[in-house]
Amino acid sequence: MSEKTHSHDDKLPIRMLHDRVLVRSDTPEGERRSGGGILIPATAAVGKRLAWAEVVAVGQNVRSVVPGDRVLYDPEDRAEVEVRGTAYVLMRERDLHAVASERVSEDATGLYL
């Protein structure tokens, strides 16, 4: 047996190809809360809004992101897939708009992605 022991559930049963990126959305579709705590219903009309997601798998030609990164993408321009009962979004690396940088420390001040 190898040194690294993985359970069957911690590895996806698919391998991404070329420049494809598989992400899991940070927030489910529907209601959300504003920074002030106001509940915004899913039916509220808003302008084009980008969404955050966590990268869970990347193809061999992806150069800018790795699994675990938080990325910004357009939720209207996506292909959804369900793997083991979890919904994921499949896209090309070029369709990502930004990668969140890590915070220096939790008590630091300033604006962060």
PDB file of N, CA and C in Angstrom:
ATOM      1  N   MET A   1       0.846  -1.189   0.000  1.00  0.00           N
ATOM      2  CA  MET A   1       0.000   0.000   0.000  1.00  0.00           C
ATOM      3  C   MET A   1       0.881   1.238   0.000  1.00  0.00           C
ATOM      4  N   SER A   2       0.440   2.317  -0.585  1.00  0.00           N
ATOM      5  CA  SER A   2       1.243   3.532  -0.675  1.00  0.00           C
ATOM      6  C   SER A   2       1.261   4.280   0.650  1.00  0.00           C
ATOM      7  N   GLU A   3       2.215   5.238   0.768  1.00  0.00           N
ATOM      8  CA  GLU A   3       2.317   6.052   1.978  1.00  0.00           C
ATOM      9  C   GLU A   3       1.086   6.899   2.185  1.00  0.00           C
ATOM     10  N   LYS A   4       0.565   7.474   1.107  1.00  0.00           N
ATOM     11  CA  LYS A   4      -0.636   8.302   1.212  1.00  0.00           C
ATOM     12  C   LYS A   4      -1.852   7.393   1.130  1.00  0.00           C
ATOM     13  N   THR A   5      -2.658   7.426   2.151  1.00  0.00           N
ATOM     14  CA  THR A   5      -3.877   6.644   2.166  1.00  0.00           C
ATOM     15  C   THR A   5      -5.052   7.588   2.056  1.00  0.00           C
ATOM     16  N   HIS A   6      -5.831   7.426   1.012  1.00  0.00           N
ATOM     17  CA  HIS A   6      -7.006   8.273   0.796  1.00  0.00           C
ATOM     18  C   HIS A   6      -8.243   7.411   0.931  1.00  0.00           C
ATOM     19  N   SER A   7      -9.262   7.964   1.548  1.00  0.00           N
ATOM     20  CA  SER A   7     -10.536   7.273   1.565  1.00  0.00           C
ATOM     21  C   SER A   7     -11.170   7.415   0.198  1.00  0.00           C
ATOM     22  N   HIS A   8     -12.105   6.566  -0.093  1.00  0.00           N
ATOM     23  CA  HIS A   8     -12.767   6.588  -1.388  1.00  0.00           C
ATOM     24  C   HIS A   8     -13.525   7.892  -1.606  1.00  0.00           C
ATOM     25  N   ASP A   9     -13.982   8.550  -0.522  1.00  0.00           N
ATOM     26  CA  ASP A   9     -14.813   9.739  -0.635  1.00  0.00           C
ATOM     27  C   ASP A   9     -14.043  11.038  -0.820  1.00  0.00           C
ATOM     28  N   ASP A  10     -12.723  11.093  -0.525  1.00  0.00           N
ATOM     29  CA  ASP A  10     -12.021  12.371  -0.601  1.00  0.00           C
ATOM     30  C   ASP A  10     -11.415  12.639  -1.973  1.00  0.00           C
ATOM     31  N   LYS A  11     -11.607  11.754  -2.935  1.00  0.00           N
ATOM     32  CA  LYS A  11     -11.075  11.974  -4.274  1.00  0.00           C
ATOM     33  C   LYS A  11     -12.212  11.840  -5.277  1.00  0.00           C
ATOM     34  N   LEU A  12     -12.288  12.807  -6.188  1.00  0.00           N
ATOM     35  CA  LEU A  12     -13.340  12.762  -7.197  1.00  0.00           C
ATOM     36  C   LEU A  12     -13.072  11.630  -8.180  1.00  0.00           C
ATOM     37  N   PRO A  13     -14.121  10.978  -8.673  1.00  0.00           N
ATOM     38  CA  PRO A  13     -13.947   9.857  -9.598  1.00  0.00           C
ATOM     39  C   PRO A  13     -13.758  10.299 -11.045  1.00  0.00           C
ATOM     40  N   ILE A  14     -13.340  11.546 -11.254  1.00  0.00           N
ATOM     41  CA  ILE A  14     -13.103  12.050 -12.604  1.00  0.00           C
ATOM     42  C   ILE A  14     -11.761  12.757 -12.647  1.00  0.00           C
ATOM     43  N   ARG A  15     -11.201  12.873 -13.847  1.00  0.00           N
ATOM     44  CA  ARG A  15      -9.945  13.591 -14.051  1.00  0.00           C
ATOM     45  C   ARG A  15     -10.210  14.664 -15.087  1.00  0.00           C
ATOM     46  N   MET A  16      -9.851  15.891 -14.769  1.00  0.00           N
ATOM     47  CA  MET A  16     -10.100  17.011 -15.674  1.00  0.00           C
ATOM     48  C   MET A  16      -9.089  16.974 -16.820  1.00  0.00           C
ATOM     49  N   LEU A  17      -9.511  17.419 -17.986  1.00  0.00           N
ATOM     50  CA  LEU A  17      -8.657  17.428 -19.160  1.00  0.00           C
ATOM     51  C   LEU A  17      -8.325  18.846 -19.596  1.00  0.00           C
ATOM     52  N   HIS A  18      -7.216  18.989 -20.285  1.00  0.00           N
ATOM     53  CA  HIS A  18      -6.784  20.224 -20.941  1.00  0.00           C
ATOM     54  C   HIS A  18      -6.818  21.441 -20.015  1.00  0.00           C
ATOM     55  N   ASP A  19      -7.603  22.473 -20.376  1.00  0.00           N
ATOM     56  CA  ASP A  19      -7.631  23.717 -19.605  1.00  0.00           C
ATOM     57  C   ASP A  19      -8.899  23.832 -18.764  1.00  0.00           C
ATOM     58  N   ARG A  20      -9.504  22.703 -18.429  1.00  0.00           N
ATOM     59  CA  ARG A  20     -10.769  22.719 -17.692  1.00  0.00           C
ATOM     60  C   ARG A  20     -10.536  22.841 -16.186  1.00  0.00           C
ATOM     61  N   VAL A  21     -11.465  23.550 -15.528  1.00  0.00           N
ATOM     62  CA  VAL A  21     -11.428  23.761 -14.084  1.00  0.00           C
ATOM     63  C   VAL A  21     -12.793  23.362 -13.525  1.00  0.00           C
ATOM     64  N   LEU A  22     -12.794  22.593 -12.452  1.00  0.00           N
ATOM     65  CA  LEU A  22     -14.023  22.196 -11.782  1.00  0.00           C
ATOM     66  C   LEU A  22     -14.089  22.931 -10.457  1.00  0.00           C
ATOM     67  N   VAL A  23     -15.184  23.666 -10.211  1.00  0.00           N
ATOM     68  CA  VAL A  23     -15.314  24.456  -8.989  1.00  0.00           C
ATOM     69  C   VAL A  23     -16.613  24.117  -8.269  1.00  0.00           C
ATOM     70  N   ARG A  24     -16.614  24.376  -6.969  1.00  0.00           N
ATOM     71  CA  ARG A  24     -17.816  24.222  -6.139  1.00  0.00           C
ATOM     72  C   ARG A  24     -18.166  25.603  -5.627  1.00  0.00           C
ATOM     73  N   SER A  25     -19.388  26.048  -5.903  1.00  0.00           N
ATOM     74  CA  SER A  25     -19.831  27.383  -5.526  1.00  0.00           C
ATOM     75  C   SER A  25     -19.823  27.561  -4.016  1.00  0.00           C
ATOM     76  N   ASP A  26     -19.362  28.748  -3.561  1.00  0.00           N
ATOM     77  CA  ASP A  26     -19.333  29.063  -2.130  1.00  0.00           C
ATOM     78  C   ASP A  26     -20.726  29.225  -1.550  1.00  0.00           C
ATOM     79  N   THR A  27     -21.632  29.781  -2.330  1.00  0.00           N
ATOM     80  CA  THR A  27     -22.986  30.030  -1.839  1.00  0.00           C
ATOM     81  C   THR A  27     -23.986  29.395  -2.777  1.00  0.00           C
ATOM     82  N   PRO A  28     -25.023  28.786  -2.234  1.00  0.00           N
ATOM     83  CA  PRO A  28     -26.039  28.196  -3.095  1.00  0.00           C
ATOM     84  C   PRO A  28     -26.849  29.282  -3.787  1.00  0.00           C
ATOM     85  N   GLU A  29     -27.458  28.907  -4.906  1.00  0.00           N
ATOM     86  CA  GLU A  29     -28.336  29.837  -5.609  1.00  0.00           C
ATOM     87  C   GLU A  29     -29.516  30.169  -4.709  1.00  0.00           C
ATOM     88  N   GLY A  30     -30.023  31.358  -4.845  1.00  0.00           N
ATOM     89  CA  GLY A  30     -31.209  31.711  -4.077  1.00  0.00           C
ATOM     90  C   GLY A  30     -30.959  32.895  -3.176  1.00  0.00           C
ATOM     91  N   GLU A  31     -31.558  32.853  -1.986  1.00  0.00           N
ATOM     92  CA  GLU A  31     -31.460  33.974  -1.056  1.00  0.00           C
ATOM     93  C   GLU A  31     -30.020  34.210  -0.621  1.00  0.00           C
ATOM     94  N   ARG A  32     -29.709  35.460  -0.306  1.00  0.00           N
ATOM     95  CA  ARG A  32     -28.389  35.809   0.215  1.00  0.00           C
ATOM     96  C   ARG A  32     -28.556  36.985   1.160  1.00  0.00           C
ATOM     97  N   ARG A  33     -27.543  37.269   1.932  1.00  0.00           N
ATOM     98  CA  ARG A  33     -27.585  38.381   2.880  1.00  0.00           C
ATOM     99  C   ARG A  33     -26.615  39.470   2.435  1.00  0.00           C
ATOM    100  N   SER A  34     -27.038  40.714   2.637  1.00  0.00           N
ATOM    101  CA  SER A  34     -26.169  41.845   2.333  1.00  0.00           C
ATOM    102  C   SER A  34     -25.143  41.979   3.450  1.00  0.00           C
ATOM    103  N   GLY A  35     -24.169  42.864   3.257  1.00  0.00           N
ATOM    104  CA  GLY A  35     -23.163  43.111   4.293  1.00  0.00           C
ATOM    105  C   GLY A  35     -23.781  43.610   5.581  1.00  0.00           C
ATOM    106  N   GLY A  36     -24.923  44.276   5.497  1.00  0.00           N
ATOM    107  CA  GLY A  36     -25.612  44.798   6.679  1.00  0.00           C
ATOM    108  C   GLY A  36     -26.567  43.794   7.300  1.00  0.00           C
ATOM    109  N   GLY A  37     -26.659  42.586   6.734  1.00  0.00           N
ATOM    110  CA  GLY A  37     -27.511  41.552   7.299  1.00  0.00           C
ATOM    111  C   GLY A  37     -28.911  41.498   6.723  1.00  0.00           C
ATOM    112  N   ILE A  38     -29.201  42.291   5.704  1.00  0.00           N
ATOM    113  CA  ILE A  38     -30.525  42.291   5.094  1.00  0.00           C
ATOM    114  C   ILE A  38     -30.659  41.077   4.182  1.00  0.00           C
ATOM    115  N   LEU A  39     -31.770  40.336   4.327  1.00  0.00           N
ATOM    116  CA  LEU A  39     -32.032  39.169   3.497  1.00  0.00           C
ATOM    117  C   LEU A  39     -32.515  39.622   2.128  1.00  0.00           C
ATOM    118  N   ILE A  40     -31.821  39.176   1.058  1.00  0.00           N
ATOM    119  CA  ILE A  40     -32.177  39.531  -0.313  1.00  0.00           C
ATOM    120  C   ILE A  40     -32.760  38.283  -0.965  1.00  0.00           C
ATOM    121  N   PRO A  41     -34.050  38.306  -1.355  1.00  0.00           N
ATOM    122  CA  PRO A  41     -34.664  37.106  -1.947  1.00  0.00           C
ATOM    123  C   PRO A  41     -34.069  36.774  -3.302  1.00  0.00           C
ATOM    124  N   ALA A  42     -34.208  35.499  -3.699  1.00  0.00           N
ATOM    125  CA  ALA A  42     -33.669  35.029  -4.972  1.00  0.00           C
ATOM    126  C   ALA A  42     -34.326  35.722  -6.154  1.00  0.00           C
ATOM    127  N   THR A  43     -35.542  36.227  -5.967  1.00  0.00           N
ATOM    128  CA  THR A  43     -36.265  36.864  -7.065  1.00  0.00           C
ATOM    129  C   THR A  43     -35.891  38.323  -7.269  1.00  0.00           C
ATOM    130  N   ALA A  44     -35.075  38.894  -6.390  1.00  0.00           N
ATOM    131  CA  ALA A  44     -34.680  40.302  -6.507  1.00  0.00           C
ATOM    132  C   ALA A  44     -33.831  40.494  -7.758  1.00  0.00           C
ATOM    133  N   ALA A  45     -34.156  41.514  -8.529  1.00  0.00           N
ATOM    134  CA  ALA A  45     -33.418  41.807  -9.754  1.00  0.00           C
ATOM    135  C   ALA A  45     -32.152  42.578  -9.399  1.00  0.00           C
ATOM    136  N   VAL A  46     -31.025  42.054  -9.828  1.00  0.00           N
ATOM    137  CA  VAL A  46     -29.744  42.729  -9.618  1.00  0.00           C
ATOM    138  C   VAL A  46     -28.999  42.732 -10.938  1.00  0.00           C
ATOM    139  N   GLY A  47     -28.003  43.586 -11.036  1.00  0.00           N
ATOM    140  CA  GLY A  47     -27.171  43.610 -12.234  1.00  0.00           C
ATOM    141  C   GLY A  47     -26.353  42.336 -12.331  1.00  0.00           C
ATOM    142  N   LYS A  48     -25.552  42.257 -13.349  1.00  0.00           N
ATOM    143  CA  LYS A  48     -24.703  41.091 -13.526  1.00  0.00           C
ATOM    144  C   LYS A  48     -23.789  40.941 -12.312  1.00  0.00           C
ATOM    145  N   ARG A  49     -23.866  39.801 -11.657  1.00  0.00           N
ATOM    146  CA  ARG A  49     -23.149  39.584 -10.412  1.00  0.00           C
ATOM    147  C   ARG A  49     -22.233  38.371 -10.548  1.00  0.00           C
ATOM    148  N   LEU A  50     -20.957  38.552 -10.225  1.00  0.00           N
ATOM    149  CA  LEU A  50     -20.016  37.440 -10.249  1.00  0.00           C
ATOM    150  C   LEU A  50     -20.119  36.668  -8.934  1.00  0.00           C
ATOM    151  N   ALA A  51     -19.639  35.442  -8.915  1.00  0.00           N
ATOM    152  CA  ALA A  51     -19.751  34.595  -7.730  1.00  0.00           C
ATOM    153  C   ALA A  51     -18.392  33.987  -7.386  1.00  0.00           C
ATOM    154  N   TRP A  52     -18.210  33.635  -6.112  1.00  0.00           N
ATOM    155  CA  TRP A  52     -16.995  32.985  -5.628  1.00  0.00           C
ATOM    156  C   TRP A  52     -17.199  31.483  -5.612  1.00  0.00           C
ATOM    157  N   ALA A  53     -16.134  30.757  -5.864  1.00  0.00           N
ATOM    158  CA  ALA A  53     -16.176  29.296  -5.816  1.00  0.00           C
ATOM    159  C   ALA A  53     -14.807  28.774  -5.420  1.00  0.00           C
ATOM    160  N   GLU A  54     -14.788  27.530  -4.969  1.00  0.00           N
ATOM    161  CA  GLU A  54     -13.529  26.869  -4.617  1.00  0.00           C
ATOM    162  C   GLU A  54     -13.155  25.895  -5.724  1.00  0.00           C
ATOM    163  N   VAL A  55     -11.900  25.942  -6.164  1.00  0.00           N
ATOM    164  CA  VAL A  55     -11.409  25.028  -7.192  1.00  0.00           C
ATOM    165  C   VAL A  55     -11.240  23.651  -6.555  1.00  0.00           C
ATOM    166  N   VAL A  56     -11.824  22.624  -7.174  1.00  0.00           N
ATOM    167  CA  VAL A  56     -11.695  21.266  -6.636  1.00  0.00           C
ATOM    168  C   VAL A  56     -10.867  20.356  -7.536  1.00  0.00           C
ATOM    169  N   ALA A  57     -10.749  20.686  -8.836  1.00  0.00           N
ATOM    170  CA  ALA A  57      -9.935  19.880  -9.747  1.00  0.00           C
ATOM    171  C   ALA A  57      -9.544  20.734 -10.948  1.00  0.00           C
ATOM    172  N   VAL A  58      -8.367  20.462 -11.514  1.00  0.00           N
ATOM    173  CA  VAL A  58      -7.887  21.195 -12.684  1.00  0.00           C
ATOM    174  C   VAL A  58      -7.291  20.224 -13.700  1.00  0.00           C
ATOM    175  N   GLY A  59      -7.342  20.619 -14.979  1.00  0.00           N
ATOM    176  CA  GLY A  59      -6.730  19.839 -16.044  1.00  0.00           C
ATOM    177  C   GLY A  59      -5.229  20.071 -16.100  1.00  0.00           C
ATOM    178  N   GLN A  60      -4.525  19.255 -16.879  1.00  0.00           N
ATOM    179  CA  GLN A  60      -3.059  19.316 -16.921  1.00  0.00           C
ATOM    180  C   GLN A  60      -2.515  20.592 -17.549  1.00  0.00           C
ATOM    181  N   ASN A  61      -3.311  21.332 -18.328  1.00  0.00           N
ATOM    182  CA  ASN A  61      -2.842  22.563 -18.961  1.00  0.00           C
ATOM    183  C   ASN A  61      -3.217  23.828 -18.196  1.00  0.00           C
ATOM    184  N   VAL A  62      -3.814  23.691 -17.032  1.00  0.00           N
ATOM    185  CA  VAL A  62      -4.177  24.855 -16.215  1.00  0.00           C
ATOM    186  C   VAL A  62      -2.923  25.339 -15.501  1.00  0.00           C
ATOM    187  N   ARG A  63      -2.644  26.656 -15.603  1.00  0.00           N
ATOM    188  CA  ARG A  63      -1.404  27.194 -15.039  1.00  0.00           C
ATOM    189  C   ARG A  63      -1.605  28.173 -13.895  1.00  0.00           C
ATOM    190  N   SER A  64      -2.786  28.792 -13.779  1.00  0.00           N
ATOM    191  CA  SER A  64      -2.957  29.891 -12.828  1.00  0.00           C
ATOM    192  C   SER A  64      -3.624  29.526 -11.521  1.00  0.00           C
ATOM    193  N   VAL A  65      -4.298  28.392 -11.451  1.00  0.00           N
ATOM    194  CA  VAL A  65      -4.998  28.015 -10.225  1.00  0.00           C
ATOM    195  C   VAL A  65      -4.689  26.571  -9.861  1.00  0.00           C
ATOM    196  N   VAL A  66      -4.859  26.279  -8.584  1.00  0.00           N
ATOM    197  CA  VAL A  66      -4.675  24.923  -8.075  1.00  0.00           C
ATOM    198  C   VAL A  66      -5.882  24.581  -7.203  1.00  0.00           C
ATOM    199  N   PRO A  67      -6.145  23.289  -6.985  1.00  0.00           N
ATOM    200  CA  PRO A  67      -7.251  22.930  -6.099  1.00  0.00           C
ATOM    201  C   PRO A  67      -7.093  23.597  -4.732  1.00  0.00           C
ATOM    202  N   GLY A  68      -8.197  24.132  -4.229  1.00  0.00           N
ATOM    203  CA  GLY A  68      -8.187  24.851  -2.965  1.00  0.00           C
ATOM    204  C   GLY A  68      -8.244  26.356  -3.130  1.00  0.00           C
ATOM    205  N   ASP A  69      -7.890  26.882  -4.310  1.00  0.00           N
ATOM    206  CA  ASP A  69      -7.971  28.326  -4.562  1.00  0.00           C
ATOM    207  C   ASP A  69      -9.427  28.775  -4.604  1.00  0.00           C
ATOM    208  N   ARG A  70      -9.673  30.026  -4.196  1.00  0.00           N
ATOM    209  CA  ARG A  70     -10.990  30.650  -4.352  1.00  0.00           C
ATOM    210  C   ARG A  70     -10.928  31.532  -5.589  1.00  0.00           C
ATOM    211  N   VAL A  71     -11.893  31.345  -6.485  1.00  0.00           N
ATOM    212  CA  VAL A  71     -11.897  32.077  -7.750  1.00  0.00           C
ATOM    213  C   VAL A  71     -13.230  32.784  -7.964  1.00  0.00           C
ATOM    214  N   LEU A  72     -13.175  33.827  -8.788  1.00  0.00           N
ATOM    215  CA  LEU A  72     -14.352  34.611  -9.134  1.00  0.00           C
ATOM    216  C   LEU A  72     -14.746  34.249 -10.568  1.00  0.00           C
ATOM    217  N   TYR A  73     -16.046  33.935 -10.773  1.00  0.00           N
ATOM    218  CA  TYR A  73     -16.515  33.544 -12.100  1.00  0.00           C
ATOM    219  C   TYR A  73     -17.913  34.096 -12.341  1.00  0.00           C
ATOM    220  N   ASP A  74     -18.352  34.050 -13.580  1.00  0.00           N
ATOM    221  CA  ASP A  74     -19.685  34.511 -13.966  1.00  0.00           C
ATOM    222  C   ASP A  74     -20.644  33.325 -13.902  1.00  0.00           C
ATOM    223  N   PRO A  75     -21.575  33.316 -12.952  1.00  0.00           N
ATOM    224  CA  PRO A  75     -22.475  32.165 -12.812  1.00  0.00           C
ATOM    225  C   PRO A  75     -23.443  31.992 -13.982  1.00  0.00           C
ATOM    226  N   GLU A  76     -23.601  33.008 -14.823  1.00  0.00           N
ATOM    227  CA  GLU A  76     -24.484  32.863 -15.985  1.00  0.00           C
ATOM    228  C   GLU A  76     -23.795  32.124 -17.125  1.00  0.00           C
ATOM    229  N   ASP A  77     -22.475  32.084 -17.116  1.00  0.00           N
ATOM    230  CA  ASP A  77     -21.694  31.451 -18.174  1.00  0.00           C
ATOM    231  C   ASP A  77     -21.044  30.187 -17.607  1.00  0.00           C
ATOM    232  N   ARG A  78     -21.849  29.134 -17.459  1.00  0.00           N
ATOM    233  CA  ARG A  78     -21.316  27.942 -16.806  1.00  0.00           C
ATOM    234  C   ARG A  78     -21.998  26.675 -17.300  1.00  0.00           C
ATOM    235  N   ALA A  79     -21.340  25.570 -17.064  1.00  0.00           N
ATOM    236  CA  ALA A  79     -21.901  24.243 -17.316  1.00  0.00           C
ATOM    237  C   ALA A  79     -21.881  23.508 -15.986  1.00  0.00           C
ATOM    238  N   GLU A  80     -23.029  23.038 -15.552  1.00  0.00           N
ATOM    239  CA  GLU A  80     -23.109  22.361 -14.259  1.00  0.00           C
ATOM    240  C   GLU A  80     -23.029  20.860 -14.448  1.00  0.00           C
ATOM    241  N   VAL A  81     -22.446  20.202 -13.440  1.00  0.00           N
ATOM    242  CA  VAL A  81     -22.358  18.749 -13.440  1.00  0.00           C
ATOM    243  C   VAL A  81     -22.532  18.283 -11.993  1.00  0.00           C
ATOM    244  N   GLU A  82     -23.138  17.125 -11.815  1.00  0.00           N
ATOM    245  CA  GLU A  82     -23.310  16.565 -10.484  1.00  0.00           C
ATOM    246  C   GLU A  82     -22.444  15.315 -10.358  1.00  0.00           C
ATOM    247  N   VAL A  83     -21.609  15.283  -9.315  1.00  0.00           N
ATOM    248  CA  VAL A  83     -20.742  14.139  -9.053  1.00  0.00           C
ATOM    249  C   VAL A  83     -20.980  13.708  -7.619  1.00  0.00           C
ATOM    250  N   ARG A  84     -21.379  12.455  -7.443  1.00  0.00           N
ATOM    251  CA  ARG A  84     -21.665  11.911  -6.107  1.00  0.00           C
ATOM    252  C   ARG A  84     -22.629  12.793  -5.313  1.00  0.00           C
ATOM    253  N   GLY A  85     -23.645  13.321  -5.976  1.00  0.00           N
ATOM    254  CA  GLY A  85     -24.667  14.107  -5.314  1.00  0.00           C
ATOM    255  C   GLY A  85     -24.303  15.548  -5.011  1.00  0.00           C
ATOM    256  N   THR A  86     -23.118  15.990  -5.423  1.00  0.00           N
ATOM    257  CA  THR A  86     -22.688  17.373  -5.205  1.00  0.00           C
ATOM    258  C   THR A  86     -22.647  18.098  -6.545  1.00  0.00           C
ATOM    259  N   ALA A  87     -23.206  19.313  -6.580  1.00  0.00           N
ATOM    260  CA  ALA A  87     -23.218  20.100  -7.818  1.00  0.00           C
ATOM    261  C   ALA A  87     -21.910  20.862  -7.966  1.00  0.00           C
ATOM    262  N   TYR A  88     -21.318  20.795  -9.145  1.00  0.00           N
ATOM    263  CA  TYR A  88     -20.087  21.498  -9.472  1.00  0.00           C
ATOM    264  C   TYR A  88     -20.313  22.313 -10.744  1.00  0.00           C
ATOM    265  N   VAL A  89     -19.411  23.265 -10.982  1.00  0.00           N
ATOM    266  CA  VAL A  89     -19.440  24.066 -12.206  1.00  0.00           C
ATOM    267  C   VAL A  89     -18.159  23.750 -12.977  1.00  0.00           C
ATOM    268  N   LEU A  90     -18.313  23.450 -14.245  1.00  0.00           N
ATOM    269  CA  LEU A  90     -17.186  23.128 -15.121  1.00  0.00           C
ATOM    270  C   LEU A  90     -16.968  24.299 -16.063  1.00  0.00           C
ATOM    271  N   MET A  91     -15.716  24.768 -16.168  1.00  0.00           N
ATOM    272  CA  MET A  91     -15.413  25.888 -17.054  1.00  0.00           C
ATOM    273  C   MET A  91     -13.971  25.809 -17.533  1.00  0.00           C
ATOM    274  N   ARG A  92     -13.643  26.670 -18.460  1.00  0.00           N
ATOM    275  CA  ARG A  92     -12.262  26.783 -18.925  1.00  0.00           C
ATOM    276  C   ARG A  92     -11.525  27.767 -18.027  1.00  0.00           C
ATOM    277  N   GLU A  93     -10.229  27.615 -17.933  1.00  0.00           N
ATOM    278  CA  GLU A  93      -9.420  28.510 -17.100  1.00  0.00           C
ATOM    279  C   GLU A  93      -9.593  29.964 -17.528  1.00  0.00           C
ATOM    280  N   ARG A  94      -9.711  30.219 -18.807  1.00  0.00           N
ATOM    281  CA  ARG A  94      -9.836  31.599 -19.293  1.00  0.00           C
ATOM    282  C   ARG A  94     -11.147  32.256 -18.874  1.00  0.00           C
ATOM    283  N   ASP A  95     -12.144  31.477 -18.421  1.00  0.00           N
ATOM    284  CA  ASP A  95     -13.421  32.034 -17.978  1.00  0.00           C
ATOM    285  C   ASP A  95     -13.396  32.495 -16.522  1.00  0.00           C
ATOM    286  N   LEU A  96     -12.293  32.267 -15.823  1.00  0.00           N
ATOM    287  CA  LEU A  96     -12.153  32.756 -14.454  1.00  0.00           C
ATOM    288  C   LEU A  96     -11.739  34.216 -14.496  1.00  0.00           C
ATOM    289  N   HIS A  97     -12.291  35.023 -13.590  1.00  0.00           N
ATOM    290  CA  HIS A  97     -12.007  36.454 -13.585  1.00  0.00           C
ATOM    291  C   HIS A  97     -10.912  36.851 -12.597  1.00  0.00           C
ATOM    292  N   ALA A  98     -10.791  36.117 -11.488  1.00  0.00           N
ATOM    293  CA  ALA A  98      -9.795  36.476 -10.474  1.00  0.00           C
ATOM    294  C   ALA A  98      -9.558  35.296  -9.545  1.00  0.00           C
ATOM    295  N   VAL A  99      -8.410  35.344  -8.866  1.00  0.00           N
ATOM    296  CA  VAL A  99      -8.075  34.372  -7.826  1.00  0.00           C
ATOM    297  C   VAL A  99      -7.878  35.165  -6.545  1.00  0.00           C
ATOM    298  N   ALA A 100      -8.518  34.748  -5.463  1.00  0.00           N
ATOM    299  CA  ALA A 100      -8.406  35.461  -4.188  1.00  0.00           C
ATOM    300  C   ALA A 100      -7.009  35.278  -3.625  1.00  0.00           C
ATOM    301  N   SER A 101      -6.438  36.377  -3.135  1.00  0.00           N
ATOM    302  CA  SER A 101      -5.144  36.286  -2.479  1.00  0.00           C
ATOM    303  C   SER A 101      -5.369  35.942  -1.018  1.00  0.00           C
ATOM    304  N   GLU A 102      -4.382  35.321  -0.405  1.00  0.00           N
ATOM    305  CA  GLU A 102      -4.493  34.943   1.002  1.00  0.00           C
ATOM    306  C   GLU A 102      -4.340  36.166   1.880  1.00  0.00           C
ATOM    307  N   ARG A 103      -5.005  36.158   3.019  1.00  0.00           N
ATOM    308  CA  ARG A 103      -4.840  37.236   3.989  1.00  0.00           C
ATOM    309  C   ARG A 103      -3.515  37.060   4.705  1.00  0.00           C
ATOM    310  N   VAL A 104      -2.899  38.186   5.058  1.00  0.00           N
ATOM    311  CA  VAL A 104      -1.629  38.128   5.776  1.00  0.00           C
ATOM    312  C   VAL A 104      -1.868  37.608   7.178  1.00  0.00           C
ATOM    313  N   SER A 105      -2.890  38.136   7.844  1.00  0.00           N
ATOM    314  CA  SER A 105      -3.292  37.630   9.160  1.00  0.00           C
ATOM    315  C   SER A 105      -4.752  37.936   9.364  1.00  0.00           C
ATOM    316  N   GLU A 106      -5.374  37.217  10.265  1.00  0.00           N
ATOM    317  CA  GLU A 106      -6.803  37.394  10.505  1.00  0.00           C
ATOM    318  C   GLU A 106      -7.141  38.756  11.098  1.00  0.00           C
ATOM    319  N   ASP A 107      -6.245  39.358  11.878  1.00  0.00           N
ATOM    320  CA  ASP A 107      -6.549  40.636  12.503  1.00  0.00           C
ATOM    321  C   ASP A 107      -6.047  41.838  11.711  1.00  0.00           C
ATOM    322  N   ALA A 108      -5.561  41.600  10.491  1.00  0.00           N
ATOM    323  CA  ALA A 108      -5.075  42.697   9.655  1.00  0.00           C
ATOM    324  C   ALA A 108      -6.258  43.511   9.150  1.00  0.00           C
ATOM    325  N   THR A 109      -6.012  44.791   8.908  1.00  0.00           N
ATOM    326  CA  THR A 109      -7.075  45.641   8.374  1.00  0.00           C
ATOM    327  C   THR A 109      -6.862  45.840   6.889  1.00  0.00           C
ATOM    328  N   GLY A 110      -7.896  46.271   6.206  1.00  0.00           N
ATOM    329  CA  GLY A 110      -7.796  46.524   4.774  1.00  0.00           C
ATOM    330  C   GLY A 110      -8.848  45.751   4.007  1.00  0.00           C
ATOM    331  N   LEU A 111      -8.853  45.917   2.703  1.00  0.00           N
ATOM    332  CA  LEU A 111      -9.824  45.252   1.854  1.00  0.00           C
ATOM    333  C   LEU A 111      -9.204  44.013   1.256  1.00  0.00           C
ATOM    334  N   TYR A 112      -9.984  42.959   1.196  1.00  0.00           N
ATOM    335  CA  TYR A 112      -9.529  41.694   0.630  1.00  0.00           C
ATOM    336  C   TYR A 112     -10.588  41.174  -0.310  1.00  0.00           C
ATOM    337  N   LEU A 113     -10.174  40.373  -1.252  1.00  0.00           N
ATOM    338  CA  LEU A 113     -11.133  39.714  -2.162  1.00  0.00           C
ATOM    339  C   LEU A 113     -11.851  38.637  -1.420  1.00  0.00           C
TER     340      LEU A 113
END
